[in-house]
Amino acid sequence: MKPELTGPDGRVVVRRWTRHPRCVALARADLRKALAGWGLIAVEEVALLVLSELITNAVRHARVPGRQIETRYLHQGNKVQIEVHDAADQLPELRTPTPEAIRGRGLVLVDTLADQWGVTRRPTVGKAVWAVLALPVDEQTSLADRERREGQS
């Protein structure tokens, strides 16, 4: 893992990972830490599952020698955007797996759990698969109140 790259306001966390199954757990721990710092614990469980599916897909399918996987977590107020960048040009497809299928449910889970998700081609090579998760409405109010109090201190 390379050193953390963080935006100037602390609202973006970028990491690069070797394409190895162990990076999934490391990326999850990294996201958990970012969500705690941003006060977005209410989406943690779903965010970790979405990240696991996206990064596992990159580990399994983005077989480009010498290239790493990059994760980006973007704090957007009451939302978090999770991005997984890889150097493979093949775009993932949302499929309906058969009941006996062993694989192929990852994007179905992402589609079900995320408020939005999609794929963006990168300007040079590869793609970014991203998902946006918003806090539940009751948590949004709590976060806004907390931020307002902190701004008055």
N, C-alpha and C. Protein backbone atom coordinates (compact mmCIF):
# COMPACT_ATOMS: atom_id res chain seq x y z
N MET A 1 0.85 -1.17 0.00
CA MET A 1 0.00 0.00 0.00
C MET A 1 0.89 1.23 0.00
N LYS A 2 0.57 2.18 -0.83
CA LYS A 2 1.31 3.44 -0.90
C LYS A 2 0.80 4.38 0.18
N PRO A 3 1.54 5.46 0.47
CA PRO A 3 1.07 6.41 1.47
C PRO A 3 -0.29 7.00 1.08
N GLU A 4 -1.02 7.40 2.10
CA GLU A 4 -2.35 7.98 1.91
C GLU A 4 -2.24 9.30 1.17
N LEU A 5 -3.12 9.50 0.23
CA LEU A 5 -3.27 10.78 -0.44
C LEU A 5 -4.61 11.33 0.00
N THR A 6 -4.62 12.48 0.62
CA THR A 6 -5.85 13.04 1.15
C THR A 6 -6.04 14.43 0.61
N GLY A 7 -7.29 14.76 0.28
CA GLY A 7 -7.60 16.10 -0.19
C GLY A 7 -7.32 17.13 0.89
N PRO A 8 -7.17 18.40 0.51
CA PRO A 8 -6.81 19.45 1.46
C PRO A 8 -7.82 19.63 2.60
N ASP A 9 -9.07 19.30 2.35
CA ASP A 9 -10.08 19.48 3.40
C ASP A 9 -10.40 18.18 4.12
N GLY A 10 -9.65 17.12 3.85
CA GLY A 10 -9.87 15.84 4.52
C GLY A 10 -11.09 15.09 4.06
N ARG A 11 -11.67 15.50 2.94
CA ARG A 11 -12.90 14.87 2.46
C ARG A 11 -12.67 13.84 1.34
N VAL A 12 -11.42 13.61 1.00
CA VAL A 12 -11.09 12.61 -0.01
C VAL A 12 -9.93 11.77 0.51
N VAL A 13 -10.10 10.46 0.46
CA VAL A 13 -9.03 9.54 0.84
C VAL A 13 -8.75 8.65 -0.36
N VAL A 14 -7.49 8.61 -0.77
CA VAL A 14 -7.08 7.82 -1.92
C VAL A 14 -5.99 6.85 -1.48
N ARG A 15 -6.12 5.59 -1.89
CA ARG A 15 -5.09 4.58 -1.59
C ARG A 15 -4.87 3.74 -2.84
N ARG A 16 -3.68 3.18 -2.93
CA ARG A 16 -3.36 2.25 -4.01
C ARG A 16 -3.00 0.90 -3.39
N TRP A 17 -3.47 -0.14 -4.03
CA TRP A 17 -3.33 -1.49 -3.50
C TRP A 17 -2.78 -2.42 -4.57
N THR A 18 -1.99 -3.41 -4.13
CA THR A 18 -1.60 -4.47 -5.06
C THR A 18 -2.83 -5.32 -5.33
N ARG A 19 -2.88 -5.91 -6.49
CA ARG A 19 -4.04 -6.73 -6.86
C ARG A 19 -3.91 -8.09 -6.19
N HIS A 20 -4.31 -8.12 -4.91
CA HIS A 20 -4.20 -9.33 -4.11
C HIS A 20 -5.44 -9.41 -3.21
N PRO A 21 -5.97 -10.60 -2.97
CA PRO A 21 -7.18 -10.72 -2.14
C PRO A 21 -7.07 -10.05 -0.76
N ARG A 22 -5.88 -9.99 -0.19
CA ARG A 22 -5.75 -9.40 1.15
C ARG A 22 -6.04 -7.89 1.14
N CYS A 23 -5.97 -7.25 -0.04
CA CYS A 23 -6.24 -5.80 -0.08
C CYS A 23 -7.71 -5.50 0.23
N VAL A 24 -8.60 -6.47 0.08
CA VAL A 24 -10.01 -6.24 0.38
C VAL A 24 -10.19 -5.89 1.86
N ALA A 25 -9.61 -6.67 2.74
CA ALA A 25 -9.72 -6.39 4.18
C ALA A 25 -9.03 -5.08 4.56
N LEU A 26 -7.89 -4.81 3.94
CA LEU A 26 -7.17 -3.57 4.24
C LEU A 26 -7.97 -2.35 3.79
N ALA A 27 -8.58 -2.45 2.62
CA ALA A 27 -9.40 -1.34 2.11
C ALA A 27 -10.63 -1.13 2.99
N ARG A 28 -11.22 -2.22 3.46
CA ARG A 28 -12.38 -2.11 4.36
C ARG A 28 -12.00 -1.37 5.65
N ALA A 29 -10.86 -1.72 6.22
CA ALA A 29 -10.41 -1.05 7.45
C ALA A 29 -10.17 0.43 7.19
N ASP A 30 -9.63 0.74 6.05
CA ASP A 30 -9.37 2.12 5.67
C ASP A 30 -10.68 2.91 5.53
N LEU A 31 -11.67 2.31 4.88
CA LEU A 31 -12.96 2.96 4.72
C LEU A 31 -13.65 3.14 6.07
N ARG A 32 -13.58 2.13 6.92
CA ARG A 32 -14.18 2.21 8.26
C ARG A 32 -13.62 3.42 9.01
N LYS A 33 -12.32 3.61 8.94
CA LYS A 33 -11.66 4.73 9.61
C LYS A 33 -12.14 6.07 9.03
N ALA A 34 -12.23 6.16 7.72
CA ALA A 34 -12.69 7.40 7.07
C ALA A 34 -14.13 7.72 7.46
N LEU A 35 -15.00 6.72 7.44
CA LEU A 35 -16.41 6.95 7.79
C LEU A 35 -16.55 7.43 9.23
N ALA A 36 -15.77 6.85 10.13
CA ALA A 36 -15.81 7.28 11.54
C ALA A 36 -15.38 8.74 11.65
N GLY A 37 -14.33 9.12 10.94
CA GLY A 37 -13.86 10.49 10.99
C GLY A 37 -14.85 11.48 10.42
N TRP A 38 -15.66 11.03 9.47
CA TRP A 38 -16.65 11.91 8.84
C TRP A 38 -18.00 11.87 9.53
N GLY A 39 -18.15 11.04 10.54
CA GLY A 39 -19.44 10.92 11.23
C GLY A 39 -20.49 10.19 10.41
N LEU A 40 -20.04 9.28 9.56
CA LEU A 40 -20.97 8.55 8.69
C LEU A 40 -21.07 7.07 9.08
N ILE A 41 -21.00 6.82 10.36
CA ILE A 41 -21.06 5.43 10.87
C ILE A 41 -22.36 4.74 10.46
N ALA A 42 -23.42 5.48 10.28
CA ALA A 42 -24.72 4.88 9.97
C ALA A 42 -24.71 4.13 8.63
N VAL A 43 -23.79 4.45 7.73
CA VAL A 43 -23.72 3.74 6.45
C VAL A 43 -22.58 2.72 6.42
N GLU A 44 -21.90 2.55 7.55
CA GLU A 44 -20.70 1.71 7.56
C GLU A 44 -20.95 0.30 7.05
N GLU A 45 -21.93 -0.38 7.58
CA GLU A 45 -22.17 -1.78 7.21
C GLU A 45 -22.40 -1.93 5.71
N VAL A 46 -23.26 -1.10 5.17
CA VAL A 46 -23.56 -1.16 3.74
C VAL A 46 -22.34 -0.74 2.92
N ALA A 47 -21.66 0.32 3.36
CA ALA A 47 -20.49 0.82 2.63
C ALA A 47 -19.39 -0.25 2.56
N LEU A 48 -19.17 -0.95 3.64
CA LEU A 48 -18.14 -2.00 3.65
C LEU A 48 -18.50 -3.15 2.72
N LEU A 49 -19.77 -3.50 2.66
CA LEU A 49 -20.20 -4.57 1.75
C LEU A 49 -20.06 -4.13 0.30
N VAL A 50 -20.48 -2.90 -0.01
CA VAL A 50 -20.35 -2.38 -1.37
C VAL A 50 -18.88 -2.33 -1.78
N LEU A 51 -18.03 -1.79 -0.91
CA LEU A 51 -16.60 -1.74 -1.21
C LEU A 51 -16.05 -3.14 -1.45
N SER A 52 -16.41 -4.09 -0.60
CA SER A 52 -15.92 -5.47 -0.75
C SER A 52 -16.25 -6.02 -2.13
N GLU A 53 -17.47 -5.79 -2.57
CA GLU A 53 -17.88 -6.31 -3.88
C GLU A 53 -17.11 -5.63 -5.00
N LEU A 54 -16.97 -4.31 -4.93
CA LEU A 54 -16.28 -3.59 -6.00
C LEU A 54 -14.80 -3.94 -6.07
N ILE A 55 -14.14 -3.98 -4.93
CA ILE A 55 -12.71 -4.26 -4.95
C ILE A 55 -12.43 -5.73 -5.26
N THR A 56 -13.29 -6.62 -4.82
CA THR A 56 -13.13 -8.03 -5.17
C THR A 56 -13.24 -8.22 -6.68
N ASN A 57 -14.18 -7.52 -7.31
CA ASN A 57 -14.28 -7.59 -8.77
C ASN A 57 -12.98 -7.13 -9.43
N ALA A 58 -12.40 -6.05 -8.93
CA ALA A 58 -11.15 -5.55 -9.50
C ALA A 58 -10.02 -6.55 -9.29
N VAL A 59 -9.95 -7.15 -8.12
CA VAL A 59 -8.90 -8.14 -7.85
C VAL A 59 -9.05 -9.34 -8.79
N ARG A 60 -10.27 -9.79 -9.00
CA ARG A 60 -10.51 -10.99 -9.82
C ARG A 60 -10.37 -10.73 -11.32
N HIS A 61 -10.85 -9.57 -11.77
CA HIS A 61 -11.01 -9.38 -13.21
C HIS A 61 -10.05 -8.39 -13.86
N ALA A 62 -9.43 -7.52 -13.09
CA ALA A 62 -8.54 -6.50 -13.67
C ALA A 62 -7.11 -7.03 -13.72
N ARG A 63 -6.88 -7.95 -14.58
CA ARG A 63 -5.57 -8.62 -14.67
C ARG A 63 -4.66 -7.88 -15.64
N VAL A 64 -4.15 -6.75 -15.18
CA VAL A 64 -3.23 -5.96 -15.99
C VAL A 64 -1.89 -5.97 -15.25
N PRO A 65 -0.89 -6.67 -15.79
CA PRO A 65 0.40 -6.81 -15.10
C PRO A 65 1.00 -5.45 -14.72
N GLY A 66 1.50 -5.40 -13.49
CA GLY A 66 2.19 -4.20 -13.02
C GLY A 66 1.28 -3.06 -12.60
N ARG A 67 -0.01 -3.23 -12.70
CA ARG A 67 -0.95 -2.15 -12.34
C ARG A 67 -1.59 -2.42 -11.00
N GLN A 68 -1.83 -1.35 -10.26
CA GLN A 68 -2.47 -1.45 -8.96
C GLN A 68 -3.95 -1.09 -9.06
N ILE A 69 -4.63 -1.34 -7.97
CA ILE A 69 -6.03 -0.93 -7.81
C ILE A 69 -6.01 0.31 -6.93
N GLU A 70 -6.86 1.26 -7.24
CA GLU A 70 -6.93 2.48 -6.42
C GLU A 70 -8.33 2.60 -5.86
N THR A 71 -8.42 2.94 -4.57
CA THR A 71 -9.71 3.24 -3.95
C THR A 71 -9.74 4.73 -3.64
N ARG A 72 -10.92 5.29 -3.77
CA ARG A 72 -11.16 6.69 -3.39
C ARG A 72 -12.46 6.73 -2.62
N TYR A 73 -12.39 7.41 -1.49
CA TYR A 73 -13.57 7.63 -0.66
C TYR A 73 -13.78 9.13 -0.60
N LEU A 74 -14.94 9.59 -1.02
CA LEU A 74 -15.22 11.03 -1.08
C LEU A 74 -16.38 11.36 -0.16
N HIS A 75 -16.12 12.20 0.82
CA HIS A 75 -17.15 12.66 1.75
C HIS A 75 -17.91 13.79 1.08
N GLN A 76 -19.20 13.60 0.90
CA GLN A 76 -20.04 14.58 0.22
C GLN A 76 -21.21 14.97 1.12
N GLY A 77 -20.91 15.61 2.24
CA GLY A 77 -21.97 16.02 3.17
C GLY A 77 -22.58 14.82 3.85
N ASN A 78 -23.83 14.51 3.48
CA ASN A 78 -24.52 13.37 4.09
C ASN A 78 -24.38 12.10 3.25
N LYS A 79 -23.40 12.10 2.34
CA LYS A 79 -23.17 10.96 1.46
C LYS A 79 -21.69 10.61 1.43
N VAL A 80 -21.42 9.39 1.01
CA VAL A 80 -20.05 8.98 0.72
C VAL A 80 -20.06 8.34 -0.66
N GLN A 81 -19.07 8.69 -1.46
CA GLN A 81 -18.89 8.04 -2.75
C GLN A 81 -17.67 7.14 -2.63
N ILE A 82 -17.86 5.89 -3.00
CA ILE A 82 -16.80 4.88 -2.97
C ILE A 82 -16.44 4.58 -4.41
N GLU A 83 -15.16 4.71 -4.74
CA GLU A 83 -14.70 4.43 -6.09
C GLU A 83 -13.60 3.38 -6.05
N VAL A 84 -13.61 2.48 -7.02
CA VAL A 84 -12.53 1.52 -7.20
C VAL A 84 -12.06 1.66 -8.65
N HIS A 85 -10.81 2.07 -8.80
CA HIS A 85 -10.20 2.28 -10.11
C HIS A 85 -9.29 1.11 -10.44
N ASP A 86 -9.33 0.66 -11.70
CA ASP A 86 -8.39 -0.37 -12.13
C ASP A 86 -8.01 -0.09 -13.58
N ALA A 87 -7.02 -0.80 -14.08
CA ALA A 87 -6.48 -0.54 -15.41
C ALA A 87 -7.12 -1.40 -16.50
N ALA A 88 -8.07 -2.24 -16.17
CA ALA A 88 -8.73 -3.07 -17.18
C ALA A 88 -9.79 -2.25 -17.91
N ASP A 89 -9.87 -2.43 -19.21
CA ASP A 89 -10.84 -1.68 -20.01
C ASP A 89 -12.22 -2.33 -20.04
N GLN A 90 -12.30 -3.63 -19.72
CA GLN A 90 -13.59 -4.32 -19.76
C GLN A 90 -14.49 -3.76 -18.67
N LEU A 91 -15.72 -3.38 -19.07
CA LEU A 91 -16.67 -2.81 -18.12
C LEU A 91 -17.49 -3.91 -17.47
N PRO A 92 -17.78 -3.76 -16.18
CA PRO A 92 -18.62 -4.76 -15.50
C PRO A 92 -20.06 -4.66 -16.00
N GLU A 93 -20.74 -5.79 -15.97
CA GLU A 93 -22.13 -5.83 -16.40
C GLU A 93 -23.01 -6.35 -15.27
N LEU A 94 -24.12 -5.68 -15.07
CA LEU A 94 -25.11 -6.14 -14.10
C LEU A 94 -25.87 -7.30 -14.75
N ARG A 95 -25.80 -8.45 -14.12
CA ARG A 95 -26.45 -9.64 -14.66
C ARG A 95 -27.41 -10.21 -13.62
N THR A 96 -28.30 -11.04 -14.08
CA THR A 96 -29.19 -11.75 -13.17
C THR A 96 -28.69 -13.19 -13.08
N PRO A 97 -28.03 -13.52 -11.95
CA PRO A 97 -27.49 -14.89 -11.85
C PRO A 97 -28.60 -15.91 -11.64
N THR A 98 -28.32 -17.11 -12.08
CA THR A 98 -29.26 -18.20 -11.83
C THR A 98 -29.17 -18.58 -10.36
N PRO A 99 -30.20 -19.20 -9.81
CA PRO A 99 -30.17 -19.57 -8.39
C PRO A 99 -28.99 -20.48 -8.02
N GLU A 100 -28.53 -21.29 -8.95
CA GLU A 100 -27.43 -22.20 -8.64
C GLU A 100 -26.05 -21.60 -8.93
N ALA A 101 -26.00 -20.38 -9.46
CA ALA A 101 -24.72 -19.75 -9.77
C ALA A 101 -23.92 -19.49 -8.49
N ILE A 102 -22.62 -19.74 -8.56
CA ILE A 102 -21.74 -19.53 -7.42
C ILE A 102 -21.27 -18.08 -7.37
N ARG A 103 -21.11 -17.46 -8.51
CA ARG A 103 -20.63 -16.08 -8.60
C ARG A 103 -21.64 -15.24 -9.38
N GLY A 104 -21.35 -13.94 -9.43
CA GLY A 104 -22.17 -13.06 -10.27
C GLY A 104 -23.21 -12.25 -9.52
N ARG A 105 -23.13 -12.24 -8.19
CA ARG A 105 -24.12 -11.49 -7.42
C ARG A 105 -23.60 -10.14 -6.91
N GLY A 106 -22.32 -9.87 -7.09
CA GLY A 106 -21.72 -8.67 -6.53
C GLY A 106 -22.38 -7.38 -6.98
N LEU A 107 -22.52 -7.19 -8.29
CA LEU A 107 -23.15 -5.96 -8.77
C LEU A 107 -24.64 -5.92 -8.48
N VAL A 108 -25.26 -7.08 -8.34
CA VAL A 108 -26.67 -7.11 -7.93
C VAL A 108 -26.79 -6.53 -6.53
N LEU A 109 -25.87 -6.91 -5.64
CA LEU A 109 -25.86 -6.34 -4.29
C LEU A 109 -25.60 -4.84 -4.32
N VAL A 110 -24.62 -4.42 -5.10
CA VAL A 110 -24.30 -2.99 -5.21
C VAL A 110 -25.51 -2.23 -5.73
N ASP A 111 -26.15 -2.76 -6.75
CA ASP A 111 -27.33 -2.11 -7.33
C ASP A 111 -28.47 -1.99 -6.32
N THR A 112 -28.61 -2.99 -5.48
CA THR A 112 -29.66 -3.00 -4.47
C THR A 112 -29.36 -2.06 -3.31
N LEU A 113 -28.10 -2.01 -2.88
CA LEU A 113 -27.73 -1.28 -1.66
C LEU A 113 -27.38 0.19 -1.89
N ALA A 114 -26.82 0.52 -3.03
CA ALA A 114 -26.35 1.89 -3.27
C ALA A 114 -27.50 2.78 -3.73
N ASP A 115 -27.40 4.06 -3.37
CA ASP A 115 -28.37 5.03 -3.87
C ASP A 115 -28.14 5.28 -5.36
N GLN A 116 -26.88 5.24 -5.77
CA GLN A 116 -26.49 5.35 -7.18
C GLN A 116 -25.22 4.55 -7.37
N TRP A 117 -24.99 4.08 -8.57
CA TRP A 117 -23.71 3.46 -8.88
C TRP A 117 -23.52 3.53 -10.38
N GLY A 118 -22.29 3.37 -10.80
CA GLY A 118 -22.01 3.40 -12.23
C GLY A 118 -20.56 3.11 -12.52
N VAL A 119 -20.22 3.25 -13.78
CA VAL A 119 -18.86 3.01 -14.26
C VAL A 119 -18.45 4.20 -15.10
N THR A 120 -17.25 4.69 -14.88
CA THR A 120 -16.71 5.79 -15.66
C THR A 120 -15.39 5.35 -16.26
N ARG A 121 -15.25 5.52 -17.57
CA ARG A 121 -13.96 5.21 -18.20
C ARG A 121 -12.94 6.26 -17.78
N ARG A 122 -11.72 5.83 -17.53
CA ARG A 122 -10.65 6.76 -17.18
C ARG A 122 -10.06 7.33 -18.46
N PRO A 123 -9.52 8.54 -18.40
CA PRO A 123 -9.02 9.19 -19.61
C PRO A 123 -7.90 8.42 -20.34
N THR A 124 -7.06 7.73 -19.58
CA THR A 124 -5.94 7.04 -20.22
C THR A 124 -6.23 5.55 -20.41
N VAL A 125 -6.39 4.85 -19.31
CA VAL A 125 -6.61 3.41 -19.37
C VAL A 125 -7.48 2.99 -18.19
N GLY A 126 -8.33 2.03 -18.42
CA GLY A 126 -9.12 1.47 -17.33
C GLY A 126 -10.42 2.20 -17.05
N LYS A 127 -10.89 1.98 -15.82
CA LYS A 127 -12.21 2.49 -15.44
C LYS A 127 -12.28 2.73 -13.95
N ALA A 128 -13.32 3.42 -13.54
CA ALA A 128 -13.65 3.57 -12.12
C ALA A 128 -15.08 3.07 -11.95
N VAL A 129 -15.27 2.16 -11.03
CA VAL A 129 -16.61 1.71 -10.67
C VAL A 129 -16.92 2.39 -9.34
N TRP A 130 -18.06 3.06 -9.26
CA TRP A 130 -18.36 3.88 -8.09
C TRP A 130 -19.77 3.62 -7.58
N ALA A 131 -19.95 3.95 -6.32
CA ALA A 131 -21.26 3.84 -5.68
C ALA A 131 -21.40 4.98 -4.68
N VAL A 132 -22.60 5.52 -4.59
CA VAL A 132 -22.90 6.59 -3.65
C VAL A 132 -23.90 6.06 -2.63
N LEU A 133 -23.59 6.30 -1.35
CA LEU A 133 -24.47 5.90 -0.26
C LEU A 133 -24.81 7.12 0.57
N ALA A 134 -26.09 7.34 0.81
CA ALA A 134 -26.53 8.48 1.62
C ALA A 134 -26.94 7.99 3.00
N LEU A 135 -26.75 8.85 3.97
CA LEU A 135 -27.24 8.55 5.32
C LEU A 135 -28.75 8.42 5.29
N PRO A 136 -29.32 7.58 6.15
CA PRO A 136 -30.78 7.56 6.30
C PRO A 136 -31.26 8.96 6.72
N VAL A 137 -32.47 9.32 6.37
CA VAL A 137 -32.99 10.67 6.62
C VAL A 137 -32.85 11.10 8.07
N ASP A 138 -33.17 10.22 9.03
CA ASP A 138 -33.06 10.60 10.44
C ASP A 138 -31.61 10.87 10.84
N GLU A 139 -30.67 10.17 10.23
CA GLU A 139 -29.25 10.40 10.51
C GLU A 139 -28.76 11.68 9.85
N GLN A 140 -29.34 12.06 8.72
CA GLN A 140 -28.95 13.30 8.04
C GLN A 140 -29.24 14.50 8.94
N THR A 141 -30.39 14.49 9.60
CA THR A 141 -30.75 15.57 10.50
C THR A 141 -29.78 15.63 11.67
N SER A 142 -29.44 14.48 12.22
CA SER A 142 -28.50 14.41 13.34
C SER A 142 -27.13 14.94 12.93
N LEU A 143 -26.67 14.57 11.74
CA LEU A 143 -25.37 15.03 11.24
C LEU A 143 -25.38 16.54 11.04
N ALA A 144 -26.45 17.07 10.47
CA ALA A 144 -26.54 18.52 10.24
C ALA A 144 -26.52 19.27 11.57
N ASP A 145 -27.22 18.76 12.57
CA ASP A 145 -27.22 19.39 13.91
C ASP A 145 -25.82 19.36 14.51
N ARG A 146 -25.13 18.24 14.39
CA ARG A 146 -23.78 18.09 14.94
C ARG A 146 -22.82 19.06 14.25
N GLU A 147 -22.90 19.17 12.91
CA GLU A 147 -22.02 20.08 12.17
C GLU A 147 -22.31 21.54 12.54
N ARG A 148 -23.57 21.87 12.76
CA ARG A 148 -23.96 23.23 13.13
C ARG A 148 -23.38 23.58 14.50
N ARG A 149 -23.46 22.64 15.45
CA ARG A 149 -22.91 22.86 16.79
C ARG A 149 -21.40 23.05 16.74
N GLU A 150 -20.73 22.21 15.92
CA GLU A 150 -19.28 22.31 15.82
C GLU A 150 -18.87 23.63 15.18
N GLY A 151 -19.66 24.14 14.26
CA GLY A 151 -19.37 25.41 13.61
C GLY A 151 -19.52 26.59 14.54
N GLN A 152 -20.32 26.44 15.59
CA GLN A 152 -20.55 27.52 16.55
C GLN A 152 -19.48 27.54 17.64
N SER A 153 -18.74 26.44 17.76
CA SER A 153 -17.71 26.35 18.82
C SER A 153 -16.52 27.21 18.51
